[in-house]
């Protein structure tokens, strides 16, 4: 197998990490860089990564993550935030700066207005029925999260994606420790635990590719 295929085969939802082993700073940066380089709709990059390696804080988070052991046994716990709708108004500094960097003249306010309004129009009219800009933003988190877990596996580091947590209580913990953080502007897409396995995993159970794939071509 090539190295990428080996990484896919290596990765599993690690439920118990060896808490005596720490991930190096270089490897954590490598994992985060995979998140940073991830594609996002319109190139908006609506994510923010909170990296937790404080045992005290991990204990607090475990209490609001339904007491899942991997929260405290992991080396690093990464909370993947998504930006909420108030980051995507015509007056939003974040949206304007993000859009401006893609324009020929990043200082032309008229062009920025037009491009930002085009994005806003898409969010108001182009999303599937029932979806909001918050849903759209949260879905981008899953792209970055998948890439970070694959990057970790590429370096022999285990991971577990955690979607089971009390959203509002995690937000309150972050507001307590990060003065500039506000739950009005950010939500939580996923939590990711990274570390080194203490037990060997069971084999992957997956549907065969033939059951998951439909080809449409000129010959079909």
Protein backbone atom coordinates (compact mmCIF):
# COMPACT_ATOMS: atom_id res chain seq x y z
CA UNK A 1 0.00 0.00 0.00
CA UNK A 2 1.11 3.58 -0.57
CA UNK A 3 1.57 5.77 2.51
CA UNK A 4 -1.79 7.52 2.19
CA UNK A 5 -3.65 4.22 1.94
CA UNK A 6 -1.68 2.98 4.95
CA UNK A 7 -2.85 6.06 6.87
CA UNK A 8 -6.49 5.36 6.02
CA UNK A 9 -6.02 1.77 7.14
CA UNK A 10 -4.24 2.84 10.35
CA UNK A 11 -6.86 5.38 11.44
CA UNK A 12 -9.64 4.25 13.72
CA UNK A 13 -11.83 5.78 16.42
CA UNK A 14 -9.42 5.36 19.33
CA UNK A 15 -11.43 5.16 22.55
CA UNK A 16 -8.51 4.85 24.97
CA UNK A 17 -5.12 6.52 24.60
CA UNK A 18 -1.83 5.88 26.38
CA UNK A 19 -1.78 8.91 28.68
CA UNK A 20 1.98 8.55 29.27
CA UNK A 21 2.75 9.50 25.65
CA UNK A 22 2.69 13.08 24.37
CA UNK A 23 2.52 14.29 20.80
CA UNK A 24 5.43 16.53 19.83
CA UNK A 25 4.90 20.21 19.04
CA UNK A 26 6.08 19.52 15.49
CA UNK A 27 3.45 16.82 14.98
CA UNK A 28 0.66 18.98 16.42
CA UNK A 29 1.60 21.78 14.04
CA UNK A 30 1.60 19.25 11.18
CA UNK A 31 -1.93 18.16 12.11
CA UNK A 32 -3.16 21.75 12.44
CA UNK A 33 -1.57 22.67 9.13
CA UNK A 34 -3.66 19.94 7.47
CA UNK A 35 -6.72 21.68 8.91
CA UNK A 36 -5.54 25.10 7.79
CA UNK A 37 -4.88 23.90 4.24
CA UNK A 38 -8.31 22.29 3.93
CA UNK A 39 -10.74 23.39 1.22
CA UNK A 40 -13.84 25.33 2.19
CA UNK A 41 -16.85 26.64 0.30
CA UNK A 42 -16.02 30.03 -1.26
CA UNK A 43 -12.61 29.77 0.45
CA UNK A 44 -14.19 31.31 3.55
CA UNK A 45 -12.32 29.06 6.05
CA UNK A 46 -14.93 29.52 8.79
CA UNK A 47 -13.08 27.38 11.33
CA UNK A 48 -10.95 28.07 14.37
CA UNK A 49 -8.97 25.42 16.28
CA UNK A 50 -8.69 25.43 20.07
CA UNK A 51 -5.84 23.14 21.17
CA UNK A 52 -6.12 21.78 24.71
CA UNK A 53 -3.21 19.96 26.35
CA UNK A 54 -3.97 21.02 29.93
CA UNK A 55 -5.02 17.99 31.98
CA UNK A 56 -7.07 20.20 34.30
CA UNK A 57 -9.05 21.60 31.40
CA UNK A 58 -9.45 18.17 29.80
CA UNK A 59 -11.02 16.95 33.06
CA UNK A 60 -13.51 19.82 32.89
CA UNK A 61 -14.28 19.02 29.27
CA UNK A 62 -14.71 15.32 29.96
CA UNK A 63 -17.51 16.19 32.39
CA UNK A 64 -19.44 17.89 29.57
CA UNK A 65 -18.51 15.28 26.93
CA UNK A 66 -20.59 12.57 28.56
CA UNK A 67 -17.59 11.27 30.54
CA UNK A 68 -15.83 9.83 27.49
CA UNK A 69 -12.44 8.45 28.57
CA UNK A 70 -10.58 9.56 25.45
CA UNK A 71 -11.03 13.20 26.44
CA UNK A 72 -8.63 12.86 29.37
CA UNK A 73 -6.42 10.01 28.14
CA UNK A 74 -5.53 11.74 24.87
CA UNK A 75 -2.42 13.85 24.46
CA UNK A 76 -4.14 16.80 22.78
CA UNK A 77 -7.82 17.67 22.52
CA UNK A 78 -8.75 19.97 19.64
CA UNK A 79 -12.10 21.77 19.60
CA UNK A 80 -13.03 22.67 16.03
CA UNK A 81 -15.12 25.83 16.06
CA UNK A 82 -17.21 27.27 13.25
CA UNK A 83 -18.12 30.91 12.70
CA UNK A 84 -21.76 31.86 13.14
CA UNK A 85 -23.91 34.10 10.97
CA UNK A 86 -22.81 37.39 12.53
CA UNK A 87 -19.39 36.82 10.93
CA UNK A 88 -21.00 36.92 7.48
CA UNK A 89 -22.81 40.24 7.23
CA UNK A 90 -21.86 42.97 4.79
CA UNK A 91 -20.22 44.87 7.66
CA UNK A 92 -18.36 41.87 9.10
CA UNK A 93 -14.61 42.46 9.28
CA UNK A 94 -13.98 38.74 8.93
CA UNK A 95 -16.02 38.35 5.76
CA UNK A 96 -14.66 41.56 4.21
CA UNK A 97 -11.03 40.64 4.92
CA UNK A 98 -11.51 37.08 3.70
CA UNK A 99 -13.16 38.20 0.46
CA UNK A 100 -10.75 41.10 -0.11
CA UNK A 101 -7.68 38.89 -0.27
CA UNK A 102 -9.11 37.12 -3.34
CA UNK A 103 -9.74 40.32 -5.35
CA UNK A 104 -7.37 42.00 -7.83
CA UNK A 105 -7.50 45.17 -5.73
CA UNK A 106 -8.00 44.16 -2.08
CA UNK A 107 -8.54 47.80 -1.09
CA UNK A 108 -11.42 48.53 -3.46
CA UNK A 109 -14.38 48.79 -1.11
CA UNK A 110 -16.95 48.73 -3.90
CA UNK A 111 -15.60 45.44 -5.24
CA UNK A 112 -15.54 44.04 -1.70
CA UNK A 113 -19.18 45.07 -1.20
CA UNK A 114 -20.23 43.36 -4.44
CA UNK A 115 -18.33 40.14 -3.70
CA UNK A 116 -19.54 39.96 -0.11
CA UNK A 117 -23.13 40.55 -1.19
CA UNK A 118 -22.79 37.74 -3.72
CA UNK A 119 -21.77 35.37 -0.93
CA UNK A 120 -24.60 36.58 1.29
CA UNK A 121 -27.09 36.09 -1.55
CA UNK A 122 -25.91 32.52 -1.96
CA UNK A 123 -26.41 31.84 1.74
CA UNK A 124 -29.89 33.34 1.66
CA UNK A 125 -31.06 31.74 -1.59
CA UNK A 126 -28.72 28.92 -2.59
CA UNK A 127 -28.69 26.63 0.44
CA UNK A 128 -30.93 23.60 0.58
CA UNK A 129 -34.31 24.03 2.23
CA UNK A 130 -34.03 24.21 6.01
CA UNK A 131 -30.30 24.94 6.05
CA UNK A 132 -28.95 28.15 7.54
CA UNK A 133 -25.57 29.82 7.22
CA UNK A 134 -24.71 28.28 10.60
CA UNK A 135 -25.36 24.81 9.16
CA UNK A 136 -23.24 25.66 6.13
CA UNK A 137 -20.41 26.90 8.33
CA UNK A 138 -20.53 23.87 10.63
CA UNK A 139 -20.35 21.49 7.65
CA UNK A 140 -17.03 23.04 6.62
CA UNK A 141 -15.57 21.92 9.96
CA UNK A 142 -15.96 18.29 8.94
CA UNK A 143 -13.63 18.78 5.97
CA UNK A 144 -10.87 20.23 8.13
CA UNK A 145 -11.45 17.60 10.83
CA UNK A 146 -11.15 14.70 8.39
CA UNK A 147 -7.93 16.10 6.99
CA UNK A 148 -6.44 16.55 10.45
CA UNK A 149 -7.26 12.96 11.42
CA UNK A 150 -5.75 11.65 8.19
CA UNK A 151 -2.62 13.78 8.68
CA UNK A 152 -2.30 12.38 12.21
CA UNK A 153 -2.61 8.82 10.93
CA UNK A 154 0.03 9.58 8.29
CA UNK A 155 2.43 10.22 11.19
CA UNK A 156 1.30 7.23 13.23
CA UNK A 157 -0.86 9.25 15.60
CA UNK A 158 -4.29 8.04 16.64
CA UNK A 159 -7.46 10.09 16.81
CA UNK A 160 -11.12 10.04 17.73
CA UNK A 161 -13.80 12.40 16.43
CA UNK A 162 -16.22 13.30 19.21
CA UNK A 163 -19.66 14.62 18.37
CA UNK A 164 -21.16 13.72 21.74
CA UNK A 165 -20.88 16.75 24.00
CA UNK A 166 -23.07 19.34 25.67
CA UNK A 167 -22.56 22.20 23.23
CA UNK A 168 -23.60 25.04 25.53
CA UNK A 169 -21.49 23.79 28.44
CA UNK A 170 -18.38 23.46 26.27
CA UNK A 171 -19.03 27.02 25.07
CA UNK A 172 -19.21 28.24 28.69
CA UNK A 173 -15.87 26.59 29.48
CA UNK A 174 -14.24 28.27 26.50
CA UNK A 175 -15.73 31.63 27.45
CA UNK A 176 -14.19 31.21 30.90
CA UNK A 177 -10.68 30.50 29.62
CA UNK A 178 -10.53 32.60 26.43
CA UNK A 179 -11.39 36.25 27.17
CA UNK A 180 -12.01 37.21 23.52
CA UNK A 181 -14.13 34.13 22.80
CA UNK A 182 -17.91 34.45 22.45
CA UNK A 183 -20.51 31.76 21.90
CA UNK A 184 -22.49 34.39 20.01
CA UNK A 185 -19.89 34.30 17.24
CA UNK A 186 -18.74 30.67 17.33
CA UNK A 187 -20.28 27.22 17.56
CA UNK A 188 -18.64 23.82 17.94
CA UNK A 189 -18.54 21.48 14.96
CA UNK A 190 -16.53 18.58 16.38
CA UNK A 191 -14.04 17.76 19.10
CA UNK A 192 -10.97 15.73 18.11
CA UNK A 193 -8.86 13.67 20.50
CA UNK A 194 -5.29 12.87 19.41
CA UNK A 195 -2.75 10.57 21.00
CA UNK A 196 -1.33 7.07 20.88
CA UNK A 197 -3.38 3.89 21.16
CA UNK A 198 -3.07 1.66 24.17
CA UNK A 199 -5.00 -1.23 22.56
CA UNK A 200 -4.91 -2.58 19.05
CA UNK A 201 -8.11 -1.78 17.13
CA UNK A 202 -10.50 -4.23 15.55
CA UNK A 203 -10.58 -4.46 11.77
CA UNK A 204 -12.44 -1.75 9.86
CA UNK A 205 -15.98 -2.64 8.89
CA UNK A 206 -16.96 -0.92 5.66
CA UNK A 207 -19.39 -1.49 2.82
CA UNK A 208 -17.63 -2.60 -0.39
CA UNK A 209 -16.99 0.13 -2.93
CA UNK A 210 -19.35 -1.55 -5.39
CA UNK A 211 -22.25 -0.97 -2.97
CA UNK A 212 -21.40 2.69 -2.52
CA UNK A 213 -20.72 3.80 -6.06
CA UNK A 214 -22.84 4.58 -9.11
CA UNK A 215 -21.09 5.52 -12.35
CA UNK A 216 -22.81 7.73 -14.92
CA UNK A 217 -21.04 7.88 -18.26
CA UNK A 218 -21.77 8.10 -21.97
CA UNK A 219 -21.82 4.29 -22.06
CA UNK A 220 -24.29 3.82 -19.19
